[in-house]
Amino acid sequence: MTHKQIYPRVLFILFAVAWLLAAAMAPTERTLGTLVRWVYAHASLTQVSLLFFASALVLSVLYWLGREGLFLWLETMGWVALGLWLAGFVLSMVPAKLSWGVWVDFQEPRTQMTLRVLAVGLLFVVLTRWVDSRRFTAAAQIVLSALVLFLSRNTAVIRHPVNPIGSADSRAIPLAYSLIFLLALAAALALVYLIVAARDNSRQPSAVVRQELLS
């Protein structure tokens, strides 16, 4: 294992543990009580996911403009974005059950949107692996990312709060959430770098092979 894999792995573990601790120790809220900590965790992963979808879109456009060295980054960023979206949805099931009495509220527009994104994302992964074309993958990532960003911005809400953290009475809540978000972002970036380094290393010939090629 090279230092390119060791350092991001250590950073990922440290940031992930710090994220868990920050969410677990975050201030409670007057209405939701300790349940709001699940909201912190869910919201931070979902917002980092949206940021990564946007980044994957930009990287995909740059790839189509000739920056072919960005392919591993755009593909990995898209994978991690979808994984974080799924993780955020799973975490949202706990407050949904305790607040609304159901694990998944299929009547909530944002829940419907989340499930549609997961279904389309799964289809995207299967299709791009089957086609096995870099340009097709980049084009599909542009479409998927644009769709997710559009739906996230324009989907209505019924019971789901619009901005529960930003509208909180206590200043400590948005400050605590900012820390949780930044730790989630740092952990996710370390994970992306770790995956890209591992994939790039697997494509490189071993020292023995390189020596044979040079001899």
Protein backbone atom coordinates (compact mmCIF):
# COMPACT_ATOMS: atom_id res chain seq x y z
CA MET A 1 0.00 0.00 0.00
CA THR A 2 1.45 3.36 -1.06
CA HIS A 3 1.40 6.63 0.85
CA LYS A 4 -1.22 7.85 -1.64
CA GLN A 5 -3.56 5.26 -0.14
CA ILE A 6 -2.44 5.33 3.50
CA TYR A 7 -2.80 9.07 4.14
CA PRO A 8 -6.33 9.49 2.69
CA ARG A 9 -7.43 6.28 4.45
CA VAL A 10 -6.27 7.64 7.81
CA LEU A 11 -7.85 11.02 7.06
CA PHE A 12 -11.11 9.39 6.03
CA ILE A 13 -11.30 7.41 9.27
CA LEU A 14 -10.42 10.44 11.39
CA PHE A 15 -12.94 12.72 9.68
CA ALA A 16 -15.65 10.04 9.71
CA VAL A 17 -15.19 9.43 13.44
CA ALA A 18 -15.13 13.17 14.11
CA TRP A 19 -18.36 13.53 12.09
CA LEU A 20 -20.05 10.84 14.16
CA LEU A 21 -18.91 12.43 17.42
CA ALA A 22 -19.93 15.92 16.33
CA ALA A 23 -23.41 14.68 15.36
CA ALA A 24 -23.80 12.69 18.58
CA MET A 25 -22.73 15.62 20.77
CA ALA A 26 -24.53 18.38 18.88
CA PRO A 27 -27.01 20.60 20.74
CA THR A 28 -30.60 19.43 20.94
CA GLU A 29 -33.60 21.35 19.66
CA ARG A 30 -36.64 22.49 21.63
CA THR A 31 -39.21 20.62 19.54
CA LEU A 32 -37.33 17.56 18.30
CA GLY A 33 -35.01 17.14 21.27
CA THR A 34 -32.18 14.65 20.67
CA LEU A 35 -33.91 13.49 17.49
CA VAL A 36 -32.50 16.55 15.74
CA ARG A 37 -29.06 14.90 15.80
CA TRP A 38 -30.33 12.38 13.26
CA VAL A 39 -31.45 15.34 11.17
CA TYR A 40 -27.95 16.83 11.37
CA ALA A 41 -26.43 13.58 10.12
CA HIS A 42 -29.03 13.08 7.37
CA ALA A 43 -28.86 16.67 6.14
CA SER A 44 -25.06 16.84 6.13
CA LEU A 45 -24.70 13.71 3.96
CA THR A 46 -27.47 14.83 1.63
CA GLN A 47 -25.98 18.29 1.15
CA VAL A 48 -22.49 16.91 0.56
CA SER A 49 -24.07 14.53 -1.96
CA LEU A 50 -25.61 17.45 -3.83
CA LEU A 51 -22.26 19.24 -3.82
CA PHE A 52 -20.60 16.14 -5.27
CA PHE A 53 -23.29 15.76 -7.94
CA ALA A 54 -22.58 19.36 -8.96
CA SER A 55 -18.82 18.68 -8.96
CA ALA A 56 -19.29 15.53 -11.05
CA LEU A 57 -21.31 17.57 -13.54
CA VAL A 58 -18.56 20.18 -13.87
CA LEU A 59 -15.85 17.52 -14.19
CA SER A 60 -17.90 15.70 -16.83
CA VAL A 61 -18.28 18.87 -18.88
CA LEU A 62 -14.52 19.49 -18.63
CA TYR A 63 -13.90 15.90 -19.74
CA TRP A 64 -16.03 16.47 -22.83
CA LEU A 65 -14.00 19.63 -23.48
CA GLY A 66 -10.81 17.57 -23.66
CA ARG A 67 -9.65 17.10 -20.06
CA GLU A 68 -9.50 13.31 -20.32
CA GLY A 69 -7.36 12.96 -17.20
CA LEU A 70 -10.40 13.89 -15.13
CA PHE A 71 -12.34 10.72 -15.92
CA LEU A 72 -11.48 8.77 -12.77
CA TRP A 73 -12.37 11.81 -10.69
CA LEU A 74 -15.74 12.44 -12.34
CA GLU A 75 -16.74 8.79 -12.20
CA THR A 76 -15.67 8.34 -8.58
CA MET A 77 -17.29 11.63 -7.57
CA GLY A 78 -20.53 10.43 -9.13
CA TRP A 79 -20.35 7.08 -7.32
CA VAL A 80 -19.69 8.70 -3.95
CA ALA A 81 -22.44 11.27 -4.53
CA LEU A 82 -24.96 8.49 -5.13
CA GLY A 83 -23.68 6.55 -2.11
CA LEU A 84 -24.03 9.60 0.13
CA TRP A 85 -27.53 10.19 -1.22
CA LEU A 86 -28.46 6.64 -0.22
CA ALA A 87 -26.81 7.00 3.20
CA GLY A 88 -28.64 10.27 3.81
CA PHE A 89 -31.95 8.63 2.93
CA VAL A 90 -31.29 5.70 5.29
CA LEU A 91 -30.49 8.10 8.13
CA SER A 92 -33.69 10.05 7.44
CA MET A 93 -35.76 6.94 8.15
CA VAL A 94 -35.14 7.17 11.92
CA PRO A 95 -36.53 10.70 12.44
CA ALA A 96 -39.34 9.89 9.98
CA LYS A 97 -40.39 6.90 12.06
CA LEU A 98 -40.18 8.74 15.37
CA SER A 99 -41.81 11.94 14.09
CA TRP A 100 -44.40 10.68 11.59
CA GLY A 101 -44.80 7.02 12.57
CA VAL A 102 -43.50 5.56 9.28
CA TRP A 103 -40.02 4.59 8.18
CA VAL A 104 -40.67 5.89 4.66
CA ASP A 105 -43.38 8.48 4.02
CA PHE A 106 -44.35 7.73 0.42
CA GLN A 107 -46.81 10.64 0.43
CA GLU A 108 -44.02 13.18 0.99
CA PRO A 109 -42.85 14.68 -2.34
CA ARG A 110 -39.23 14.84 -1.22
CA THR A 111 -39.30 11.17 -0.28
CA GLN A 112 -40.70 10.31 -3.70
CA MET A 113 -37.99 12.43 -5.30
CA THR A 114 -35.27 10.75 -3.23
CA LEU A 115 -36.43 7.27 -4.23
CA ARG A 116 -36.63 8.27 -7.90
CA VAL A 117 -33.07 9.57 -7.78
CA LEU A 118 -31.89 6.29 -6.23
CA ALA A 119 -33.71 4.26 -8.90
CA VAL A 120 -32.35 6.38 -11.76
CA GLY A 121 -28.90 6.35 -10.15
CA LEU A 122 -28.88 2.56 -9.96
CA LEU A 123 -29.94 2.38 -13.62
CA PHE A 124 -27.17 4.87 -14.44
CA VAL A 125 -24.51 2.70 -12.74
CA VAL A 126 -25.69 -0.50 -14.45
CA LEU A 127 -26.00 1.15 -17.87
CA THR A 128 -22.63 2.88 -17.79
CA ARG A 129 -20.86 -0.29 -16.67
CA TRP A 130 -22.59 -2.22 -19.46
CA VAL A 131 -21.83 0.31 -22.21
CA ASP A 132 -18.28 0.75 -20.87
CA SER A 133 -17.60 4.00 -22.69
CA ARG A 134 -15.93 6.94 -20.99
CA ARG A 135 -17.68 9.53 -23.10
CA PHE A 136 -21.05 7.87 -22.52
CA THR A 137 -20.38 7.75 -18.76
CA ALA A 138 -19.48 11.45 -18.71
CA ALA A 139 -22.59 12.35 -20.70
CA ALA A 140 -24.79 10.21 -18.45
CA GLN A 141 -23.25 11.85 -15.38
CA ILE A 142 -24.13 15.28 -16.74
CA VAL A 143 -27.75 14.21 -17.21
CA LEU A 144 -28.01 12.50 -13.81
CA SER A 145 -26.36 15.35 -11.90
CA ALA A 146 -28.49 17.99 -13.63
CA LEU A 147 -31.62 15.97 -12.87
CA VAL A 148 -30.75 15.57 -9.18
CA LEU A 149 -29.91 19.26 -8.74
CA PHE A 150 -33.08 20.35 -10.52
CA LEU A 151 -35.36 18.01 -8.56
CA SER A 152 -33.74 18.88 -5.24
CA ARG A 153 -34.32 22.57 -5.83
CA ASN A 154 -37.85 22.34 -7.20
CA THR A 155 -39.53 19.52 -5.28
CA ALA A 156 -42.26 20.69 -2.93
CA VAL A 157 -42.57 19.65 0.71
CA ILE A 158 -45.56 18.74 2.86
CA ARG A 159 -44.36 17.61 6.28
CA HIS A 160 -40.64 17.79 5.57
CA PRO A 161 -39.29 21.09 7.02
CA VAL A 162 -37.85 23.50 4.47
CA ASN A 163 -34.90 24.71 6.55
CA PRO A 164 -35.09 23.37 10.10
CA ILE A 165 -31.48 24.21 10.95
CA GLY A 166 -31.30 27.67 9.45
CA SER A 167 -34.58 28.68 11.07
CA ALA A 168 -33.63 27.42 14.54
CA ASP A 169 -33.92 29.86 17.44
CA SER A 170 -30.51 28.96 18.89
CA ARG A 171 -27.30 30.13 17.23
CA ALA A 172 -25.56 27.01 18.48
CA ILE A 173 -27.60 24.78 16.17
CA PRO A 174 -26.46 26.26 12.81
CA LEU A 175 -22.90 26.52 14.12
CA ALA A 176 -22.90 22.89 15.21
CA TYR A 177 -24.41 21.83 11.90
CA SER A 178 -21.75 23.76 9.97
CA LEU A 179 -19.08 21.76 11.77
CA ILE A 180 -20.89 18.49 11.07
CA PHE A 181 -21.25 19.41 7.40
CA LEU A 182 -17.58 20.35 7.04
CA LEU A 183 -16.48 17.08 8.68
CA ALA A 184 -18.77 15.10 6.37
CA LEU A 185 -17.36 16.99 3.39
CA ALA A 186 -13.77 16.34 4.49
CA ALA A 187 -14.45 12.63 5.02
CA ALA A 188 -16.14 12.35 1.62
CA LEU A 189 -13.27 14.14 -0.15
CA ALA A 190 -10.76 11.81 1.52
CA LEU A 191 -12.85 8.85 0.38
CA VAL A 192 -12.91 10.10 -3.22
CA TYR A 193 -9.15 10.62 -3.21
CA LEU A 194 -8.64 7.17 -1.69
CA ILE A 195 -10.77 5.48 -4.35
CA VAL A 196 -9.14 7.40 -7.20
CA ALA A 197 -5.65 6.58 -5.89
CA ALA A 198 -6.54 2.89 -5.58
CA ARG A 199 -8.03 2.76 -9.07
CA ASP A 200 -5.13 4.67 -10.57
CA ASN A 201 -2.62 2.42 -8.81
CA SER A 202 -4.37 -0.70 -10.13
CA ARG A 203 -3.90 0.61 -13.66
CA GLN A 204 -0.17 1.16 -13.22
CA PRO A 205 2.21 -1.71 -14.08
CA SER A 206 4.05 -3.23 -11.14
CA ALA A 207 7.73 -2.54 -10.54
CA VAL A 208 8.65 -5.93 -12.03
CA VAL A 209 6.57 -5.32 -15.12
CA ARG A 210 8.01 -1.85 -15.54
CA GLN A 211 11.52 -3.26 -15.29
CA GLU A 212 10.71 -5.87 -17.93
CA LEU A 213 9.28 -3.20 -20.18
CA LEU A 214 12.40 -1.09 -19.82
CA SER A 215 14.82 -3.97 -20.36
